[in-house]
Amino acid sequence: MNAQTILVFGAALNADGTPKRALVMRIYAAIAYGKLCVSPLYIVTGGNPQKEVTEAEVMKQLLIENGVLEEQIICETQATKTIQSVVLCSALLKKLGFIPKQTRLVVVSNAYHLPRCCWLLFLLGWRTRAVAALGNASRHFYKCWNWRLREIPAIVWNSFGILFN
C-alpha cells in the first residue's frame, strides 16, 4: 500500500454534538501532516455519540470541510475508549492490507495522550510516528501535568488488556 495512514484519535463532543477544541485541533494537526504526504489516508476513530453523531463522523465532516476528499477518509465509529480504538483500528488496517511491522502509522492526538496510543499500537506490532495537536492541556502547566499523570495508570491497565487478551 502506498498510502500514508494518519490515525486520528477522537475526543469527547459537546452535548449538542459539536466538537470541542481538542478534537478540532487534532483534525488541524492531521490535515497539516497530510499536506506533507503524497497519498494520505485518514482513519478517524471515536464513538461516544452526542445528538446521534459520533466523534469519528464529526472528524470526517471537519476533514471534508477542510478540503480532504471523502474517499481518503475511513471512519471507525464503535470505539468508546482508547484501547478499543487501538484494537478496532488495528483490525481495520489489517483488513485493508496493511501489515504490522512493515507499516508506519502517523498517530494524531494531544501530547498527553500520544504515548499511550503509540505504545498500545506498538504492542500490536505497529510502528508509529506521533503528531501532537495543540490544546489547552499541552499549553497550561497544571492542566498538562494533570492529564499526563492520569495517563500513567491508563497505560499500565491498557497494556495488560492488550497483552492478556
C-alpha atoms as a PDB file:
ATOM      1  CA  MET A   1       0.000   0.000   0.000  1.00  0.00           C
ATOM      2  CA  ASN A   2       1.360   3.416  -0.931  1.00  0.00           C
ATOM      3  CA  ALA A   3      -0.981   5.467   1.240  1.00  0.00           C
ATOM      4  CA  GLN A   4       0.362   7.207   4.337  1.00  0.00           C
ATOM      5  CA  THR A   5      -2.073   6.265   7.066  1.00  0.00           C
ATOM      6  CA  ILE A   6      -2.936   9.021   9.520  1.00  0.00           C
ATOM      7  CA  LEU A   7      -4.817   7.675  12.541  1.00  0.00           C
ATOM      8  CA  VAL A   8      -6.688  10.403  14.408  1.00  0.00           C
ATOM      9  CA  PHE A   9      -7.975   9.605  17.884  1.00  0.00           C
ATOM     10  CA  GLY A  10     -11.291  11.141  18.904  1.00  0.00           C
ATOM     11  CA  ALA A  11     -12.124  13.426  21.786  1.00  0.00           C
ATOM     12  CA  ALA A  12     -15.423  13.947  23.553  1.00  0.00           C
ATOM     13  CA  LEU A  13     -18.062  16.037  21.822  1.00  0.00           C
ATOM     14  CA  ASN A  14     -20.135  18.768  23.388  1.00  0.00           C
ATOM     15  CA  ALA A  15     -23.641  17.739  24.477  1.00  0.00           C
ATOM     16  CA  ASP A  16     -25.079  19.316  21.313  1.00  0.00           C
ATOM     17  CA  GLY A  17     -22.861  17.151  19.071  1.00  0.00           C
ATOM     18  CA  THR A  18     -20.387  19.889  18.165  1.00  0.00           C
ATOM     19  CA  PRO A  19     -16.640  19.276  18.517  1.00  0.00           C
ATOM     20  CA  LYS A  20     -14.653  20.508  21.475  1.00  0.00           C
ATOM     21  CA  ARG A  21     -11.444  22.420  20.825  1.00  0.00           C
ATOM     22  CA  ALA A  22      -9.256  19.337  21.440  1.00  0.00           C
ATOM     23  CA  LEU A  23     -10.968  17.425  18.638  1.00  0.00           C
ATOM     24  CA  VAL A  24     -10.745  20.343  16.208  1.00  0.00           C
ATOM     25  CA  MET A  25      -7.048  20.792  16.957  1.00  0.00           C
ATOM     26  CA  ARG A  26      -6.416  17.087  16.343  1.00  0.00           C
ATOM     27  CA  ILE A  27      -8.029  17.415  12.932  1.00  0.00           C
ATOM     28  CA  TYR A  28      -5.984  20.516  12.098  1.00  0.00           C
ATOM     29  CA  ALA A  29      -2.793  18.659  13.061  1.00  0.00           C
ATOM     30  CA  ALA A  30      -3.812  15.708  10.870  1.00  0.00           C
ATOM     31  CA  ILE A  31      -4.573  17.987   7.921  1.00  0.00           C
ATOM     32  CA  ALA A  32      -1.248  19.793   8.299  1.00  0.00           C
ATOM     33  CA  TYR A  33       0.623  16.473   8.291  1.00  0.00           C
ATOM     34  CA  GLY A  34      -1.482  15.143   5.431  1.00  0.00           C
ATOM     35  CA  LYS A  35      -0.413  18.068   3.256  1.00  0.00           C
ATOM     36  CA  LEU A  36       3.140  16.717   3.503  1.00  0.00           C
ATOM     37  CA  CYS A  37       2.068  13.317   2.128  1.00  0.00           C
ATOM     38  CA  VAL A  38       1.589  12.183  -1.451  1.00  0.00           C
ATOM     39  CA  SER A  39      -1.376   9.937  -0.671  1.00  0.00           C
ATOM     40  CA  PRO A  40      -2.790  10.418   2.849  1.00  0.00           C
ATOM     41  CA  LEU A  41      -5.432   8.049   4.182  1.00  0.00           C
ATOM     42  CA  TYR A  42      -7.185   9.382   7.275  1.00  0.00           C
ATOM     43  CA  ILE A  43      -8.649   6.944   9.764  1.00  0.00           C
ATOM     44  CA  VAL A  44     -10.754   8.741  12.345  1.00  0.00           C
ATOM     45  CA  THR A  45     -11.797   6.795  15.410  1.00  0.00           C
ATOM     46  CA  GLY A  46     -14.285   7.509  18.131  1.00  0.00           C
ATOM     47  CA  GLY A  47     -17.778   6.512  19.157  1.00  0.00           C
ATOM     48  CA  ASN A  48     -19.451   8.182  22.142  1.00  0.00           C
ATOM     49  CA  PRO A  49     -22.302   9.804  20.205  1.00  0.00           C
ATOM     50  CA  GLN A  50     -23.894  13.093  21.177  1.00  0.00           C
ATOM     51  CA  LYS A  51     -27.126  14.046  19.408  1.00  0.00           C
ATOM     52  CA  GLU A  52     -26.759  10.815  17.379  1.00  0.00           C
ATOM     53  CA  VAL A  53     -23.413  11.792  15.851  1.00  0.00           C
ATOM     54  CA  THR A  54     -20.093  10.139  16.761  1.00  0.00           C
ATOM     55  CA  GLU A  55     -16.673  11.700  17.204  1.00  0.00           C
ATOM     56  CA  ALA A  56     -15.482   9.956  14.033  1.00  0.00           C
ATOM     57  CA  GLU A  57     -18.384  11.343  11.993  1.00  0.00           C
ATOM     58  CA  VAL A  58     -17.697  14.867  13.244  1.00  0.00           C
ATOM     59  CA  MET A  59     -13.998  14.478  12.404  1.00  0.00           C
ATOM     60  CA  LYS A  60     -14.867  13.221   8.916  1.00  0.00           C
ATOM     61  CA  GLN A  61     -17.026  16.285   8.333  1.00  0.00           C
ATOM     62  CA  LEU A  62     -14.252  18.602   9.552  1.00  0.00           C
ATOM     63  CA  LEU A  63     -11.780  16.918   7.212  1.00  0.00           C
ATOM     64  CA  ILE A  64     -14.140  17.315   4.251  1.00  0.00           C
ATOM     65  CA  GLU A  65     -14.795  20.974   5.133  1.00  0.00           C
ATOM     66  CA  ASN A  66     -11.030  21.494   5.019  1.00  0.00           C
ATOM     67  CA  GLY A  67     -10.529  20.014   1.565  1.00  0.00           C
ATOM     68  CA  VAL A  68      -9.907  16.326   2.244  1.00  0.00           C
ATOM     69  CA  LEU A  69     -11.673  14.043  -0.216  1.00  0.00           C
ATOM     70  CA  GLU A  70     -14.279  11.704   1.242  1.00  0.00           C
ATOM     71  CA  GLU A  71     -12.567   8.676  -0.322  1.00  0.00           C
ATOM     72  CA  GLN A  72      -9.447   9.497   1.713  1.00  0.00           C
ATOM     73  CA  ILE A  73     -11.342   9.051   5.000  1.00  0.00           C
ATOM     74  CA  ILE A  74     -12.328   5.911   6.876  1.00  0.00           C
ATOM     75  CA  CYS A  75     -14.482   6.158   9.998  1.00  0.00           C
ATOM     76  CA  GLU A  76     -14.268   3.778  12.925  1.00  0.00           C
ATOM     77  CA  THR A  77     -17.386   4.686  14.935  1.00  0.00           C
ATOM     78  CA  GLN A  78     -17.639   1.867  17.504  1.00  0.00           C
ATOM     79  CA  ALA A  79     -14.780   2.569  19.928  1.00  0.00           C
ATOM     80  CA  THR A  80     -15.642   4.438  23.093  1.00  0.00           C
ATOM     81  CA  LYS A  81     -12.219   4.130  24.742  1.00  0.00           C
ATOM     82  CA  THR A  82      -8.614   4.445  23.604  1.00  0.00           C
ATOM     83  CA  ILE A  83      -7.915   0.724  23.903  1.00  0.00           C
ATOM     84  CA  GLN A  84     -10.963  -0.067  21.775  1.00  0.00           C
ATOM     85  CA  SER A  85      -9.817   2.427  19.142  1.00  0.00           C
ATOM     86  CA  VAL A  86      -6.407   0.776  19.017  1.00  0.00           C
ATOM     87  CA  VAL A  87      -7.772  -2.765  18.723  1.00  0.00           C
ATOM     88  CA  LEU A  88     -10.503  -1.929  16.199  1.00  0.00           C
ATOM     89  CA  CYS A  89      -8.219   0.242  14.049  1.00  0.00           C
ATOM     90  CA  SER A  90      -5.525  -2.437  14.092  1.00  0.00           C
ATOM     91  CA  ALA A  91      -8.042  -4.981  12.784  1.00  0.00           C
ATOM     92  CA  LEU A  92      -9.304  -2.490  10.193  1.00  0.00           C
ATOM     93  CA  LEU A  93      -5.784  -1.763   8.959  1.00  0.00           C
ATOM     94  CA  LYS A  94      -5.050  -5.478   8.571  1.00  0.00           C
ATOM     95  CA  LYS A  95      -8.315  -5.920   6.669  1.00  0.00           C
ATOM     96  CA  LEU A  96      -7.233  -3.097   4.329  1.00  0.00           C
ATOM     97  CA  GLY A  97      -3.964  -4.930   3.618  1.00  0.00           C
ATOM     98  CA  PHE A  98      -1.583  -3.003   5.854  1.00  0.00           C
ATOM     99  CA  ILE A  99       0.999  -5.194   7.569  1.00  0.00           C
ATOM    100  CA  PRO A 100       2.193  -4.616  11.142  1.00  0.00           C
ATOM    101  CA  LYS A 101       5.965  -4.107  11.473  1.00  0.00           C
ATOM    102  CA  GLN A 102       6.060  -3.030   7.802  1.00  0.00           C
ATOM    103  CA  THR A 103       3.694  -0.093   8.118  1.00  0.00           C
ATOM    104  CA  ARG A 104       4.353   3.175   9.893  1.00  0.00           C
ATOM    105  CA  LEU A 105       1.219   4.842  11.165  1.00  0.00           C
ATOM    106  CA  VAL A 106       1.055   8.541  11.857  1.00  0.00           C
ATOM    107  CA  VAL A 107      -0.827   8.875  15.137  1.00  0.00           C
ATOM    108  CA  VAL A 108      -2.541  12.173  15.937  1.00  0.00           C
ATOM    109  CA  SER A 109      -3.798  13.143  19.375  1.00  0.00           C
ATOM    110  CA  ASN A 110      -2.881  15.555  22.147  1.00  0.00           C
ATOM    111  CA  ALA A 111       0.627  15.345  23.579  1.00  0.00           C
ATOM    112  CA  TYR A 112      -0.510  13.818  26.877  1.00  0.00           C
ATOM    113  CA  HIS A 113      -2.417  11.039  25.053  1.00  0.00           C
ATOM    114  CA  LEU A 114       0.132  10.119  22.373  1.00  0.00           C
ATOM    115  CA  PRO A 115       2.435   7.927  24.492  1.00  0.00           C
ATOM    116  CA  ARG A 116      -0.456   5.606  25.362  1.00  0.00           C
ATOM    117  CA  CYS A 117      -1.791   5.484  21.807  1.00  0.00           C
ATOM    118  CA  CYS A 118       1.623   4.751  20.304  1.00  0.00           C
ATOM    119  CA  TRP A 119       2.572   2.243  22.999  1.00  0.00           C
ATOM    120  CA  LEU A 120      -0.634   0.237  22.571  1.00  0.00           C
ATOM    121  CA  LEU A 121      -0.222   0.211  18.794  1.00  0.00           C
ATOM    122  CA  PHE A 122       3.378  -0.935  19.300  1.00  0.00           C
ATOM    123  CA  LEU A 123       2.153  -3.834  21.449  1.00  0.00           C
ATOM    124  CA  LEU A 124       0.018  -4.888  18.478  1.00  0.00           C
ATOM    125  CA  GLY A 125       3.028  -4.728  16.151  1.00  0.00           C
ATOM    126  CA  TRP A 126       2.617  -1.308  14.505  1.00  0.00           C
ATOM    127  CA  ARG A 127       5.375   1.243  14.003  1.00  0.00           C
ATOM    128  CA  THR A 128       4.224   4.764  14.747  1.00  0.00           C
ATOM    129  CA  ARG A 129       5.095   8.395  14.357  1.00  0.00           C
ATOM    130  CA  ALA A 130       3.435  10.745  16.837  1.00  0.00           C
ATOM    131  CA  VAL A 131       1.962  14.084  15.786  1.00  0.00           C
ATOM    132  CA  ALA A 132       0.767  16.237  18.667  1.00  0.00           C
ATOM    133  CA  ALA A 133      -2.171  18.572  18.355  1.00  0.00           C
ATOM    134  CA  LEU A 134      -2.101  21.799  20.274  1.00  0.00           C
ATOM    135  CA  GLY A 135      -4.594  22.084  23.066  1.00  0.00           C
ATOM    136  CA  ASN A 136      -5.228  23.529  26.484  1.00  0.00           C
ATOM    137  CA  ALA A 137      -3.720  20.528  28.222  1.00  0.00           C
ATOM    138  CA  SER A 138      -0.462  20.984  26.330  1.00  0.00           C
ATOM    139  CA  ARG A 139      -0.211  24.752  26.867  1.00  0.00           C
ATOM    140  CA  HIS A 140      -1.087  25.206  30.538  1.00  0.00           C
ATOM    141  CA  PHE A 141       1.370  23.786  33.059  1.00  0.00           C
ATOM    142  CA  TYR A 142      -1.077  22.434  35.644  1.00  0.00           C
ATOM    143  CA  LYS A 143      -3.535  21.020  33.117  1.00  0.00           C
ATOM    144  CA  CYS A 144      -0.638  19.490  31.226  1.00  0.00           C
ATOM    145  CA  TRP A 145       0.611  17.555  34.227  1.00  0.00           C
ATOM    146  CA  ASN A 146      -2.870  16.635  35.428  1.00  0.00           C
ATOM    147  CA  TRP A 147      -3.623  14.994  32.076  1.00  0.00           C
ATOM    148  CA  ARG A 148      -0.208  13.347  31.819  1.00  0.00           C
ATOM    149  CA  LEU A 149      -0.360  11.873  35.313  1.00  0.00           C
ATOM    150  CA  ARG A 150      -3.795  10.415  34.578  1.00  0.00           C
ATOM    151  CA  GLU A 151      -2.287   8.574  31.621  1.00  0.00           C
ATOM    152  CA  ILE A 152       0.178   6.541  33.718  1.00  0.00           C
ATOM    153  CA  PRO A 153      -2.342   4.114  35.241  1.00  0.00           C
ATOM    154  CA  ALA A 154      -4.222   4.036  31.924  1.00  0.00           C
ATOM    155  CA  ILE A 155      -1.062   2.924  30.088  1.00  0.00           C
ATOM    156  CA  VAL A 156      -0.487   0.124  32.599  1.00  0.00           C
ATOM    157  CA  TRP A 157      -4.130  -1.010  32.627  1.00  0.00           C
ATOM    158  CA  ASN A 158      -4.489  -0.908  28.836  1.00  0.00           C
ATOM    159  CA  SER A 159      -1.166  -2.728  28.356  1.00  0.00           C
ATOM    160  CA  PHE A 160      -2.455  -5.626  30.414  1.00  0.00           C
ATOM    161  CA  GLY A 161      -5.649  -5.530  28.381  1.00  0.00           C
ATOM    162  CA  ILE A 162      -3.700  -5.885  25.135  1.00  0.00           C
ATOM    163  CA  LEU A 163      -1.179  -8.439  26.383  1.00  0.00           C
ATOM    164  CA  PHE A 164      -3.627 -10.792  28.092  1.00  0.00           C
ATOM    165  CA  ASN A 165      -6.499 -10.765  25.583  1.00  0.00           C
END
